[in-house]
Amino acid sequence: MYCRNCGNKLPEGARFCGACGAEQKQSMVNADEKQPETVYQGMTGKTVEKQDVISSDSEIKSVKCPKCGGKRLQIMTETDTHVKTSGGGYSATKGCFGWLIFGPFGLLCGNCGSKQKTSVDTTNKTYWVCSDCGNKFRNLDDWKKEIEEKEKLANNTMIYCVLAFIAAFICFAIRFSFLAWIMLILGIVYVILIPVGKNQLNQEKEEYKKLEYESTEK
C-alpha cells in the first residue's frame, strides 16, 4: 500500500505515513499508479528522503517503537542545510602576525586580502518512524556516531585551551604583551566553554541511553 498524500510505500494496515506524517484514513493508491519524486518536503519542513518500508521480519528485529512497542517501522533521513558567510572583515590573526613582524603598524595587515567566503553546511539525521502510532525517534547507530564526533571536538577544545595558555606564557616571557593577552583571553574562553559543552554532551548521552533501553528488544 502507498500513502495517498506523498506516495511513500507503507506496510499493510499502517495508520501513519513515516515520511510525511499523514494519517491513513482514506484508501491507498495501488502500486501501478505513478509515485512522486524520491525527495520532497516532509512534515517538519525539512528535506526528507523516503526509504523502503522495513517490517518486523527484516534486519531490525531488535528495534521497536519506544512509545507503543510496534515493530512496523520506516526509516527516513532529514537534511538540514545552513549557508555560512565568513571573511570580508578585519582578520585578528593577520593583525597579530603583522604586529609581531612590523610592530604596531603591522596591525593594519589584518585588512589585507580579506575576502568574503560562503560555505554550505549540510547535516543529515536518520530517524525511525512507527507506522502504528506515528512516533519518530532517532536511529541509534546514526546518533552514536554523532556523539562520538562531539566527543572528539570536546577533546580538541581541551588541547586548544592548553596551547592557548602555553602561548600566552611564552609571549609574556618574550614581552609580546599584546599577543599574550589575546592568547590568555582565548584560553579563558575555552575554560568557560569546556564545562558547558561537557554538560550538554552528558545530557545527550543520557538521552541516548534512555532511548536505547526503550527501543531495543531485550
N, C-alpha and C. Protein backbone atom coordinates (compact mmCIF):
# COMPACT_ATOMS: atom_id res chain seq x y z
N MET A 1 0.84 -1.19 0.00
CA MET A 1 0.00 0.00 0.00
C MET A 1 0.87 1.25 0.00
N TYR A 2 0.29 2.35 -0.45
CA TYR A 2 1.04 3.59 -0.58
C TYR A 2 0.25 4.75 0.03
N CYS A 3 0.98 5.74 0.52
CA CYS A 3 0.35 6.93 1.09
C CYS A 3 -0.24 7.79 -0.03
N ARG A 4 -1.52 8.17 0.12
CA ARG A 4 -2.16 9.00 -0.90
C ARG A 4 -1.59 10.41 -0.90
N ASN A 5 -1.05 10.84 0.24
CA ASN A 5 -0.55 12.21 0.34
C ASN A 5 0.79 12.40 -0.38
N CYS A 6 1.72 11.43 -0.20
CA CYS A 6 3.06 11.59 -0.79
C CYS A 6 3.50 10.41 -1.63
N GLY A 7 2.76 9.30 -1.60
CA GLY A 7 3.12 8.15 -2.42
C GLY A 7 4.16 7.24 -1.81
N ASN A 8 4.52 7.46 -0.55
CA ASN A 8 5.52 6.62 0.09
C ASN A 8 4.97 5.22 0.32
N LYS A 9 5.81 4.21 0.14
CA LYS A 9 5.40 2.83 0.36
C LYS A 9 5.21 2.56 1.84
N LEU A 10 4.08 1.92 2.20
CA LEU A 10 3.74 1.67 3.59
C LEU A 10 3.48 0.19 3.81
N PRO A 11 3.67 -0.28 5.04
CA PRO A 11 3.28 -1.66 5.35
C PRO A 11 1.77 -1.77 5.41
N GLU A 12 1.23 -2.94 5.16
CA GLU A 12 -0.21 -3.13 5.18
C GLU A 12 -0.77 -2.79 6.56
N GLY A 13 -1.84 -1.99 6.57
CA GLY A 13 -2.50 -1.63 7.81
C GLY A 13 -1.88 -0.47 8.55
N ALA A 14 -0.90 0.21 7.95
CA ALA A 14 -0.24 1.33 8.62
C ALA A 14 -1.23 2.47 8.85
N ARG A 15 -1.18 3.07 10.02
CA ARG A 15 -2.08 4.18 10.35
C ARG A 15 -1.47 5.53 10.04
N PHE A 16 -0.13 5.59 9.98
CA PHE A 16 0.56 6.84 9.71
C PHE A 16 1.64 6.61 8.66
N CYS A 17 1.90 7.65 7.87
CA CYS A 17 2.99 7.60 6.90
C CYS A 17 4.27 8.03 7.59
N GLY A 18 5.33 7.24 7.46
CA GLY A 18 6.59 7.56 8.10
C GLY A 18 7.33 8.70 7.45
N ALA A 19 6.95 9.07 6.22
CA ALA A 19 7.67 10.13 5.51
C ALA A 19 7.02 11.50 5.70
N CYS A 20 5.70 11.59 5.47
CA CYS A 20 5.04 12.90 5.56
C CYS A 20 4.19 13.05 6.81
N GLY A 21 3.96 11.96 7.55
CA GLY A 21 3.21 12.02 8.80
C GLY A 21 1.71 12.00 8.64
N ALA A 22 1.21 11.85 7.40
CA ALA A 22 -0.23 11.88 7.18
C ALA A 22 -0.90 10.63 7.75
N GLU A 23 -2.05 10.83 8.41
CA GLU A 23 -2.81 9.70 8.93
C GLU A 23 -3.54 9.03 7.78
N GLN A 24 -3.50 7.71 7.75
CA GLN A 24 -4.03 6.96 6.62
C GLN A 24 -5.49 6.58 6.86
N LYS A 25 -6.39 7.53 6.59
CA LYS A 25 -7.81 7.27 6.77
C LYS A 25 -8.47 6.85 5.46
N GLN A 26 -8.01 7.43 4.36
CA GLN A 26 -8.61 7.14 3.07
C GLN A 26 -7.93 5.94 2.44
N SER A 27 -8.50 5.46 1.34
CA SER A 27 -7.93 4.31 0.65
C SER A 27 -6.60 4.70 0.03
N MET A 28 -5.69 3.74 -0.03
CA MET A 28 -4.36 4.00 -0.54
C MET A 28 -4.31 3.80 -2.04
N VAL A 29 -3.35 4.43 -2.70
CA VAL A 29 -3.16 4.22 -4.12
C VAL A 29 -2.46 2.90 -4.32
N ASN A 30 -2.67 2.27 -5.48
CA ASN A 30 -2.05 0.98 -5.71
C ASN A 30 -0.68 1.14 -6.35
N ALA A 31 0.01 0.04 -6.51
CA ALA A 31 1.40 0.07 -6.95
C ALA A 31 1.54 0.49 -8.41
N ASP A 32 0.44 0.40 -9.20
CA ASP A 32 0.54 0.73 -10.62
C ASP A 32 0.50 2.23 -10.87
N GLU A 33 0.02 3.00 -9.89
CA GLU A 33 -0.08 4.44 -10.08
C GLU A 33 1.30 5.08 -9.98
N LYS A 34 1.47 6.20 -10.66
CA LYS A 34 2.75 6.89 -10.66
C LYS A 34 3.02 7.50 -9.30
N GLN A 35 4.22 7.29 -8.78
CA GLN A 35 4.59 7.79 -7.48
C GLN A 35 5.36 9.11 -7.62
N PRO A 36 5.30 9.98 -6.61
CA PRO A 36 6.02 11.26 -6.68
C PRO A 36 7.52 11.07 -6.56
N GLU A 37 8.25 12.19 -6.61
CA GLU A 37 9.70 12.15 -6.55
C GLU A 37 10.19 11.59 -5.23
N THR A 38 11.44 11.12 -5.23
CA THR A 38 12.00 10.49 -4.04
C THR A 38 12.25 11.49 -2.93
N VAL A 39 12.62 12.72 -3.28
CA VAL A 39 12.92 13.72 -2.26
C VAL A 39 11.84 14.80 -2.28
N TYR A 40 11.33 15.17 -1.10
CA TYR A 40 10.26 16.15 -1.00
C TYR A 40 10.31 16.77 0.38
N GLN A 41 9.41 17.70 0.64
CA GLN A 41 9.36 18.36 1.94
C GLN A 41 8.45 17.58 2.87
N GLY A 42 8.99 17.11 3.99
CA GLY A 42 8.22 16.32 4.95
C GLY A 42 7.47 17.19 5.93
N MET A 43 6.92 16.56 6.97
CA MET A 43 6.05 17.27 7.90
C MET A 43 6.83 18.28 8.74
N THR A 44 8.15 18.15 8.83
CA THR A 44 8.94 19.08 9.62
C THR A 44 9.39 20.29 8.82
N GLY A 45 9.11 20.30 7.51
CA GLY A 45 9.56 21.40 6.67
C GLY A 45 10.98 21.22 6.20
N LYS A 46 11.62 20.13 6.58
CA LYS A 46 12.99 19.87 6.16
C LYS A 46 12.97 18.89 4.99
N THR A 47 14.05 18.83 4.25
CA THR A 47 14.14 17.90 3.14
C THR A 47 14.20 16.48 3.68
N VAL A 48 13.31 15.64 3.19
CA VAL A 48 13.21 14.27 3.69
C VAL A 48 13.38 13.30 2.54
N GLU A 49 14.21 12.32 2.73
CA GLU A 49 14.41 11.28 1.73
C GLU A 49 13.65 10.04 2.15
N LYS A 50 12.78 9.55 1.28
CA LYS A 50 11.98 8.37 1.60
C LYS A 50 12.82 7.11 1.47
N GLN A 51 12.55 6.16 2.34
CA GLN A 51 13.20 4.86 2.28
C GLN A 51 12.12 3.79 2.21
N ASP A 52 12.51 2.58 1.81
CA ASP A 52 11.56 1.48 1.76
C ASP A 52 11.09 1.11 3.15
N VAL A 53 9.89 0.55 3.21
CA VAL A 53 9.34 0.11 4.48
C VAL A 53 10.15 -1.07 4.99
N ILE A 54 10.41 -1.07 6.28
CA ILE A 54 11.13 -2.18 6.91
C ILE A 54 10.18 -2.82 7.91
N SER A 55 9.82 -4.05 7.70
CA SER A 55 8.84 -4.72 8.55
C SER A 55 9.53 -5.39 9.72
N SER A 56 8.71 -5.99 10.59
CA SER A 56 9.24 -6.63 11.79
C SER A 56 10.00 -7.91 11.46
N ASP A 57 9.87 -8.42 10.22
CA ASP A 57 10.56 -9.65 9.85
C ASP A 57 11.92 -9.39 9.20
N SER A 58 12.34 -8.12 9.15
CA SER A 58 13.58 -7.77 8.47
C SER A 58 14.74 -7.71 9.44
N GLU A 59 15.79 -6.95 9.01
CA GLU A 59 17.01 -6.92 9.80
C GLU A 59 16.89 -6.09 11.06
N ILE A 60 15.75 -5.45 11.33
CA ILE A 60 15.63 -4.61 12.52
C ILE A 60 14.81 -5.32 13.60
N LYS A 61 14.96 -6.62 13.72
CA LYS A 61 14.19 -7.38 14.69
C LYS A 61 14.40 -6.87 16.12
N SER A 62 15.54 -6.26 16.40
CA SER A 62 15.83 -5.82 17.76
C SER A 62 15.32 -4.41 18.04
N VAL A 63 14.73 -3.73 17.05
CA VAL A 63 14.28 -2.35 17.23
C VAL A 63 12.76 -2.31 17.33
N LYS A 64 12.27 -1.52 18.27
CA LYS A 64 10.83 -1.35 18.44
C LYS A 64 10.53 0.11 18.75
N CYS A 65 9.28 0.50 18.60
CA CYS A 65 8.88 1.87 18.91
C CYS A 65 8.87 2.05 20.43
N PRO A 66 9.57 3.06 20.96
CA PRO A 66 9.59 3.26 22.41
C PRO A 66 8.26 3.73 22.98
N LYS A 67 7.34 4.17 22.11
CA LYS A 67 6.05 4.69 22.58
C LYS A 67 4.99 3.60 22.67
N CYS A 68 4.84 2.82 21.58
CA CYS A 68 3.78 1.81 21.56
C CYS A 68 4.31 0.38 21.48
N GLY A 69 5.62 0.23 21.27
CA GLY A 69 6.20 -1.10 21.17
C GLY A 69 6.04 -1.73 19.80
N GLY A 70 5.47 -1.00 18.84
CA GLY A 70 5.28 -1.53 17.49
C GLY A 70 6.59 -1.75 16.76
N LYS A 71 6.56 -2.68 15.80
CA LYS A 71 7.78 -3.00 15.07
C LYS A 71 7.64 -2.77 13.57
N ARG A 72 6.52 -2.19 13.15
CA ARG A 72 6.39 -1.82 11.74
C ARG A 72 6.96 -0.42 11.59
N LEU A 73 8.23 -0.37 11.24
CA LEU A 73 8.97 0.89 11.24
C LEU A 73 9.41 1.26 9.84
N GLN A 74 9.51 2.56 9.61
CA GLN A 74 10.09 3.10 8.39
C GLN A 74 11.28 3.96 8.76
N ILE A 75 12.24 4.05 7.87
CA ILE A 75 13.41 4.88 8.13
C ILE A 75 13.37 6.09 7.21
N MET A 76 13.72 7.25 7.76
CA MET A 76 13.72 8.49 6.98
C MET A 76 14.94 9.31 7.35
N THR A 77 15.40 10.11 6.41
CA THR A 77 16.57 10.96 6.62
C THR A 77 16.19 12.41 6.44
N GLU A 78 16.46 13.23 7.45
CA GLU A 78 16.22 14.67 7.37
C GLU A 78 17.54 15.38 7.11
N THR A 79 17.52 16.32 6.19
CA THR A 79 18.73 17.06 5.82
C THR A 79 18.54 18.54 6.14
N ASP A 80 19.41 19.06 6.99
CA ASP A 80 19.43 20.49 7.31
C ASP A 80 20.57 21.15 6.54
N THR A 81 20.28 22.22 5.84
CA THR A 81 21.29 22.94 5.07
C THR A 81 21.41 24.36 5.60
N HIS A 82 22.63 24.73 6.01
CA HIS A 82 22.90 26.07 6.53
C HIS A 82 23.97 26.74 5.67
N VAL A 83 23.70 27.96 5.26
CA VAL A 83 24.66 28.73 4.47
C VAL A 83 25.40 29.68 5.41
N LYS A 84 26.74 29.56 5.42
CA LYS A 84 27.57 30.39 6.30
C LYS A 84 28.40 31.35 5.47
N THR A 85 28.47 32.58 5.93
CA THR A 85 29.28 33.60 5.27
C THR A 85 30.36 34.06 6.23
N SER A 86 31.61 33.99 5.79
CA SER A 86 32.73 34.38 6.64
C SER A 86 33.69 35.26 5.86
N GLY A 87 34.54 35.95 6.59
CA GLY A 87 35.52 36.83 5.95
C GLY A 87 34.92 38.17 5.59
N GLY A 88 35.68 38.94 4.86
CA GLY A 88 35.20 40.25 4.43
C GLY A 88 35.42 41.34 5.46
N GLY A 89 36.01 40.99 6.62
CA GLY A 89 36.25 41.98 7.66
C GLY A 89 37.69 41.93 8.13
N TYR A 90 37.92 42.48 9.31
CA TYR A 90 39.28 42.52 9.85
C TYR A 90 39.68 41.14 10.36
N SER A 91 40.90 40.70 10.02
CA SER A 91 41.42 39.40 10.46
C SER A 91 42.36 39.62 11.64
N ALA A 92 41.93 39.15 12.83
CA ALA A 92 42.76 39.32 14.02
C ALA A 92 44.06 38.53 13.91
N THR A 93 44.00 37.37 13.26
CA THR A 93 45.21 36.53 13.11
C THR A 93 46.27 37.25 12.29
N LYS A 94 45.86 37.81 11.15
CA LYS A 94 46.81 38.54 10.31
C LYS A 94 47.33 39.78 11.03
N GLY A 95 46.45 40.43 11.78
CA GLY A 95 46.87 41.61 12.53
C GLY A 95 47.92 41.29 13.57
N CYS A 96 47.76 40.14 14.26
CA CYS A 96 48.73 39.74 15.29
C CYS A 96 50.09 39.42 14.67
N PHE A 97 50.07 38.66 13.56
CA PHE A 97 51.34 38.35 12.90
C PHE A 97 52.00 39.62 12.36
N GLY A 98 51.19 40.53 11.83
CA GLY A 98 51.74 41.79 11.34
C GLY A 98 52.37 42.60 12.46
N TRP A 99 51.74 42.56 13.64
CA TRP A 99 52.28 43.29 14.79
C TRP A 99 53.61 42.68 15.24
N LEU A 100 53.72 41.34 15.18
CA LEU A 100 54.97 40.68 15.57
C LEU A 100 56.11 41.04 14.62
N ILE A 101 55.79 41.21 13.34
CA ILE A 101 56.84 41.46 12.34
C ILE A 101 57.15 42.94 12.19
N PHE A 102 56.10 43.77 12.10
CA PHE A 102 56.29 45.18 11.79
C PHE A 102 56.03 46.12 12.96
N GLY A 103 55.65 45.56 14.09
CA GLY A 103 55.34 46.43 15.22
C GLY A 103 53.90 46.89 15.17
N PRO A 104 53.56 47.98 15.89
CA PRO A 104 52.17 48.45 15.95
C PRO A 104 51.53 48.70 14.59
N PHE A 105 52.33 49.18 13.62
CA PHE A 105 51.76 49.44 12.30
C PHE A 105 51.36 48.14 11.59
N GLY A 106 51.92 47.02 12.05
CA GLY A 106 51.58 45.73 11.44
C GLY A 106 50.15 45.30 11.69
N LEU A 107 49.48 45.96 12.65
CA LEU A 107 48.07 45.64 12.90
C LEU A 107 47.21 45.90 11.67
N LEU A 108 47.69 46.79 10.80
CA LEU A 108 46.94 47.09 9.57
C LEU A 108 46.91 45.90 8.63
N CYS A 109 47.78 44.93 8.85
CA CYS A 109 47.80 43.73 7.99
C CYS A 109 46.51 42.93 8.11
N GLY A 110 45.77 43.18 9.18
CA GLY A 110 44.50 42.47 9.36
C GLY A 110 43.49 42.79 8.28
N ASN A 111 43.69 43.90 7.57
CA ASN A 111 42.77 44.28 6.49
C ASN A 111 43.23 43.78 5.13
N CYS A 112 44.36 43.09 5.08
CA CYS A 112 44.92 42.68 3.79
C CYS A 112 44.32 41.35 3.32
N GLY A 113 43.92 41.32 2.08
CA GLY A 113 43.48 40.08 1.44
C GLY A 113 42.26 39.44 2.05
N SER A 114 41.43 40.20 2.73
CA SER A 114 40.24 39.61 3.35
C SER A 114 39.10 39.59 2.33
N LYS A 115 38.63 38.39 2.01
CA LYS A 115 37.54 38.22 1.06
C LYS A 115 36.40 37.46 1.72
N GLN A 116 35.21 37.82 1.33
CA GLN A 116 34.04 37.15 1.88
C GLN A 116 33.88 35.77 1.25
N LYS A 117 33.69 34.77 2.10
CA LYS A 117 33.53 33.40 1.62
C LYS A 117 32.19 32.85 2.08
N THR A 118 31.57 32.08 1.21
CA THR A 118 30.28 31.46 1.52
C THR A 118 30.43 29.95 1.45
N SER A 119 30.01 29.27 2.50
CA SER A 119 30.08 27.81 2.54
C SER A 119 28.72 27.25 2.92
N VAL A 120 28.45 26.05 2.45
CA VAL A 120 27.19 25.37 2.72
C VAL A 120 27.45 24.18 3.63
N ASP A 121 26.81 24.18 4.79
CA ASP A 121 26.97 23.11 5.77
C ASP A 121 25.72 22.24 5.77
N THR A 122 25.89 20.97 5.45
CA THR A 122 24.76 20.04 5.36
C THR A 122 24.86 18.99 6.46
N THR A 123 23.77 18.81 7.20
CA THR A 123 23.72 17.84 8.28
C THR A 123 22.58 16.86 8.03
N ASN A 124 22.90 15.57 8.08
CA ASN A 124 21.89 14.52 7.89
C ASN A 124 21.61 13.82 9.21
N LYS A 125 20.33 13.61 9.50
CA LYS A 125 19.92 12.86 10.68
C LYS A 125 18.93 11.78 10.25
N THR A 126 19.13 10.57 10.76
CA THR A 126 18.28 9.45 10.39
C THR A 126 17.35 9.10 11.54
N TYR A 127 16.07 8.89 11.20
CA TYR A 127 15.05 8.60 12.20
C TYR A 127 14.29 7.33 11.82
N TRP A 128 13.75 6.66 12.85
CA TRP A 128 12.76 5.61 12.65
C TRP A 128 11.39 6.24 12.87
N VAL A 129 10.40 5.83 12.08
CA VAL A 129 9.03 6.30 12.23
C VAL A 129 8.12 5.08 12.35
N CYS A 130 7.34 5.04 13.42
CA CYS A 130 6.43 3.92 13.65
C CYS A 130 5.18 4.09 12.80
N SER A 131 4.83 3.07 12.03
CA SER A 131 3.65 3.13 11.17
C SER A 131 2.36 2.94 11.97
N ASP A 132 2.45 2.49 13.21
CA ASP A 132 1.25 2.26 14.02
C ASP A 132 0.81 3.51 14.78
N CYS A 133 1.77 4.25 15.36
CA CYS A 133 1.39 5.42 16.17
C CYS A 133 1.95 6.73 15.65
N GLY A 134 2.82 6.68 14.63
CA GLY A 134 3.39 7.90 14.05
C GLY A 134 4.56 8.48 14.83
N ASN A 135 5.03 7.79 15.87
CA ASN A 135 6.14 8.29 16.68
C ASN A 135 7.44 8.26 15.88
N LYS A 136 8.23 9.33 16.01
CA LYS A 136 9.52 9.43 15.32
C LYS A 136 10.63 9.46 16.35
N PHE A 137 11.65 8.61 16.17
CA PHE A 137 12.77 8.59 17.11
C PHE A 137 14.06 8.33 16.36
N ARG A 138 15.17 8.76 16.98
CA ARG A 138 16.47 8.72 16.33
C ARG A 138 16.96 7.30 16.07
N ASN A 139 17.66 7.14 14.96
CA ASN A 139 18.37 5.90 14.67
C ASN A 139 19.60 5.84 15.57
N LEU A 140 19.71 4.81 16.41
CA LEU A 140 20.75 4.75 17.42
C LEU A 140 22.16 4.74 16.82
N ASP A 141 22.35 4.00 15.73
CA ASP A 141 23.69 3.94 15.12
C ASP A 141 24.12 5.31 14.62
N ASP A 142 23.20 6.03 13.99
CA ASP A 142 23.49 7.36 13.48
C ASP A 142 23.77 8.33 14.64
N TRP A 143 22.98 8.23 15.69
CA TRP A 143 23.13 9.11 16.85
C TRP A 143 24.44 8.84 17.57
N LYS A 144 24.83 7.56 17.66
CA LYS A 144 26.08 7.20 18.34
C LYS A 144 27.28 7.82 17.62
N LYS A 145 27.28 7.79 16.29
CA LYS A 145 28.37 8.40 15.53
C LYS A 145 28.42 9.91 15.77
N GLU A 146 27.25 10.53 15.87
CA GLU A 146 27.18 11.98 16.12
C GLU A 146 27.77 12.32 17.49
N ILE A 147 27.47 11.49 18.49
CA ILE A 147 28.02 11.72 19.84
C ILE A 147 29.53 11.53 19.85
N GLU A 148 30.02 10.54 19.12
CA GLU A 148 31.47 10.31 19.05
C GLU A 148 32.19 11.50 18.43
N GLU A 149 31.58 12.11 17.40
CA GLU A 149 32.17 13.29 16.77
C GLU A 149 32.21 14.46 17.76
N LYS A 150 31.17 14.60 18.56
CA LYS A 150 31.15 15.67 19.56
C LYS A 150 32.19 15.44 20.64
N GLU A 151 32.44 14.18 20.99
CA GLU A 151 33.48 13.87 21.98
C GLU A 151 34.86 14.24 21.45
N LYS A 152 35.10 13.97 20.17
CA LYS A 152 36.38 14.35 19.56
C LYS A 152 36.55 15.87 19.58
N LEU A 153 35.48 16.59 19.27
CA LEU A 153 35.54 18.05 19.28
C LEU A 153 35.82 18.57 20.69
N ALA A 154 35.21 17.94 21.71
CA ALA A 154 35.45 18.36 23.09
C ALA A 154 36.91 18.12 23.49
N ASN A 155 37.48 17.00 23.07
CA ASN A 155 38.88 16.71 23.37
C ASN A 155 39.81 17.71 22.68
N ASN A 156 39.48 18.07 21.43
CA ASN A 156 40.29 19.06 20.72
C ASN A 156 40.22 20.42 21.39
N THR A 157 39.05 20.76 21.93
CA THR A 157 38.89 22.04 22.62
C THR A 157 39.79 22.12 23.84
N MET A 158 39.93 21.01 24.57
CA MET A 158 40.82 20.98 25.73
C MET A 158 42.27 21.19 25.30
N ILE A 159 42.65 20.59 24.17
CA ILE A 159 44.02 20.76 23.66
C ILE A 159 44.26 22.22 23.28
N TYR A 160 43.28 22.83 22.59
CA TYR A 160 43.42 24.24 22.21
C TYR A 160 43.54 25.14 23.44
N CYS A 161 42.82 24.79 24.50
CA CYS A 161 42.88 25.58 25.73
C CYS A 161 44.29 25.55 26.32
N VAL A 162 44.88 24.36 26.39
CA VAL A 162 46.23 24.23 26.94
C VAL A 162 47.23 24.99 26.07
N LEU A 163 47.10 24.85 24.75
CA LEU A 163 48.02 25.54 23.84
C LEU A 163 47.90 27.05 23.96
N ALA A 164 46.68 27.54 24.17
CA ALA A 164 46.48 28.99 24.31
C ALA A 164 47.20 29.53 25.54
N PHE A 165 47.12 28.80 26.66
CA PHE A 165 47.81 29.25 27.88
C PHE A 165 49.33 29.15 27.74
N ILE A 166 49.80 28.11 27.06
CA ILE A 166 51.24 27.99 26.83
C ILE A 166 51.74 29.14 25.96
N ALA A 167 50.97 29.45 24.90
CA ALA A 167 51.35 30.56 24.03
C ALA A 167 51.34 31.89 24.79
N ALA A 168 50.36 32.06 25.68
CA ALA A 168 50.30 33.29 26.48
C ALA A 168 51.52 33.41 27.39
N PHE A 169 51.91 32.30 28.01
CA PHE A 169 53.09 32.31 28.90
C PHE A 169 54.36 32.67 28.12
N ILE A 170 54.51 32.08 26.93
CA ILE A 170 55.69 32.35 26.11
C ILE A 170 55.72 33.82 25.68
N CYS A 171 54.56 34.34 25.27
CA CYS A 171 54.51 35.73 24.80
C CYS A 171 54.81 36.71 25.94
N PHE A 172 54.33 36.40 27.15
CA PHE A 172 54.66 37.25 28.29
C PHE A 172 56.17 37.20 28.58
N ALA A 173 56.76 36.00 28.41
CA ALA A 173 58.18 35.84 28.70
C ALA A 173 59.05 36.63 27.72
N ILE A 174 58.62 36.73 26.47
CA ILE A 174 59.42 37.46 25.48
C ILE A 174 58.88 38.87 25.26
N ARG A 175 57.99 39.31 26.18
CA ARG A 175 57.48 40.68 26.21
C ARG A 175 56.61 41.05 25.00
N PHE A 176 55.91 40.07 24.45
CA PHE A 176 54.89 40.37 23.44
C PHE A 176 53.55 40.46 24.16
N SER A 177 53.37 41.53 24.89
CA SER A 177 52.22 41.65 25.80
C SER A 177 50.89 41.61 25.06
N PHE A 178 50.82 42.30 23.92
CA PHE A 178 49.54 42.37 23.20
C PHE A 178 49.06 40.98 22.79
N LEU A 179 49.94 40.21 22.16
CA LEU A 179 49.59 38.86 21.73
C LEU A 179 49.36 37.95 22.94
N ALA A 180 50.11 38.18 24.01
CA ALA A 180 49.97 37.37 25.22
C ALA A 180 48.57 37.52 25.82
N TRP A 181 48.08 38.76 25.85
CA TRP A 181 46.74 38.99 26.40
C TRP A 181 45.67 38.36 25.52
N ILE A 182 45.88 38.39 24.22
CA ILE A 182 44.91 37.75 23.31
C ILE A 182 44.85 36.25 23.58
N MET A 183 46.02 35.61 23.70
CA MET A 183 46.07 34.18 23.97
C MET A 183 45.47 33.85 25.34
N LEU A 184 45.72 34.72 26.31
CA LEU A 184 45.19 34.50 27.66
C LEU A 184 43.66 34.57 27.66
N ILE A 185 43.12 35.58 26.98
CA ILE A 185 41.66 35.71 26.89
C ILE A 185 41.06 34.52 26.15
N LEU A 186 41.74 34.08 25.09
CA LEU A 186 41.26 32.92 24.34
C LEU A 186 41.23 31.67 25.22
N GLY A 187 42.28 31.50 26.03
CA GLY A 187 42.32 30.36 26.94
C GLY A 187 41.20 30.41 27.97
N ILE A 188 40.90 31.61 28.48
CA ILE A 188 39.81 31.76 29.45
C ILE A 188 38.46 31.42 28.82
N VAL A 189 38.28 31.83 27.57
CA VAL A 189 37.04 31.50 26.85
C VAL A 189 36.89 29.98 26.74
N TYR A 190 37.98 29.30 26.41
CA TYR A 190 37.94 27.84 26.32
C TYR A 190 37.60 27.22 27.67
N VAL A 191 38.16 27.78 28.75
CA VAL A 191 37.88 27.26 30.09
C VAL A 191 36.39 27.37 30.42
N ILE A 192 35.75 28.43 29.95
CA ILE A 192 34.32 28.62 30.19
C ILE A 192 33.49 27.67 29.33
N LEU A 193 33.91 27.48 28.07
CA LEU A 193 33.12 26.68 27.14
C LEU A 193 33.23 25.18 27.41
N ILE A 194 34.37 24.72 27.92
CA ILE A 194 34.58 23.28 28.10
C ILE A 194 33.54 22.64 29.02
N PRO A 195 33.31 23.16 30.25
CA PRO A 195 32.30 22.51 31.12
C PRO A 195 30.88 22.61 30.57
N VAL A 196 30.57 23.72 29.87
CA VAL A 196 29.23 23.86 29.28
C VAL A 196 29.01 22.78 28.23
N GLY A 197 29.99 22.63 27.34
CA GLY A 197 29.89 21.60 26.30
C GLY A 197 29.87 20.20 26.88
N LYS A 198 30.62 19.99 27.97
CA LYS A 198 30.66 18.67 28.60
C LYS A 198 29.31 18.32 29.21
N ASN A 199 28.66 19.29 29.84
CA ASN A 199 27.34 19.05 30.43
C ASN A 199 26.31 18.71 29.35
N GLN A 200 26.35 19.45 28.24
CA GLN A 200 25.42 19.17 27.15
C GLN A 200 25.66 17.79 26.56
N LEU A 201 26.93 17.41 26.45
CA LEU A 201 27.27 16.10 25.91
C LEU A 201 26.80 14.99 26.85
N ASN A 202 26.95 15.19 28.15
CA ASN A 202 26.49 14.19 29.12
C ASN A 202 24.98 14.03 29.09
N GLN A 203 24.26 15.14 28.91
CA GLN A 203 22.81 15.08 28.81
C GLN A 203 22.38 14.31 27.57
N GLU A 204 23.09 14.54 26.47
CA GLU A 204 22.77 13.83 25.23
C GLU A 204 23.06 12.34 25.38
N LYS A 205 24.12 11.99 26.09
CA LYS A 205 24.43 10.58 26.33
C LYS A 205 23.33 9.91 27.15
N GLU A 206 22.80 10.63 28.15
CA GLU A 206 21.72 10.09 28.97
C GLU A 206 20.47 9.86 28.12
N GLU A 207 20.16 10.81 27.22
CA GLU A 207 19.01 10.65 26.33
C GLU A 207 19.21 9.46 25.40
N TYR A 208 20.45 9.28 24.94
CA TYR A 208 20.76 8.15 24.07
C TYR A 208 20.54 6.82 24.80
N LYS A 209 21.04 6.74 26.04
CA LYS A 209 20.89 5.51 26.82
C LYS A 209 19.43 5.20 27.11
N LYS A 210 18.65 6.26 27.37
CA LYS A 210 17.22 6.08 27.64
C LYS A 210 16.51 5.53 26.41
N LEU A 211 16.80 6.12 25.23
CA LEU A 211 16.18 5.65 24.00
C LEU A 211 16.64 4.24 23.66
N GLU A 212 17.91 3.95 23.91
CA GLU A 212 18.44 2.61 23.65
C GLU A 212 17.72 1.57 24.49
N TYR A 213 17.44 1.92 25.75
CA TYR A 213 16.75 1.00 26.65
C TYR A 213 15.29 0.78 26.22
N GLU A 214 14.63 1.88 25.78
CA GLU A 214 13.21 1.80 25.46
C GLU A 214 12.93 1.21 24.08
N SER A 215 13.90 1.32 23.15
CA SER A 215 13.63 0.92 21.77
C SER A 215 14.35 -0.36 21.35
N THR A 216 15.05 -1.00 22.27
CA THR A 216 15.79 -2.21 21.93
C THR A 216 15.17 -3.41 22.61
N GLU A 217 14.95 -4.47 21.83
CA GLU A 217 14.40 -5.70 22.38
C GLU A 217 15.42 -6.34 23.32
N LYS A 218 14.95 -6.74 24.48
CA LYS A 218 15.84 -7.39 25.45
C LYS A 218 15.95 -8.88 25.16
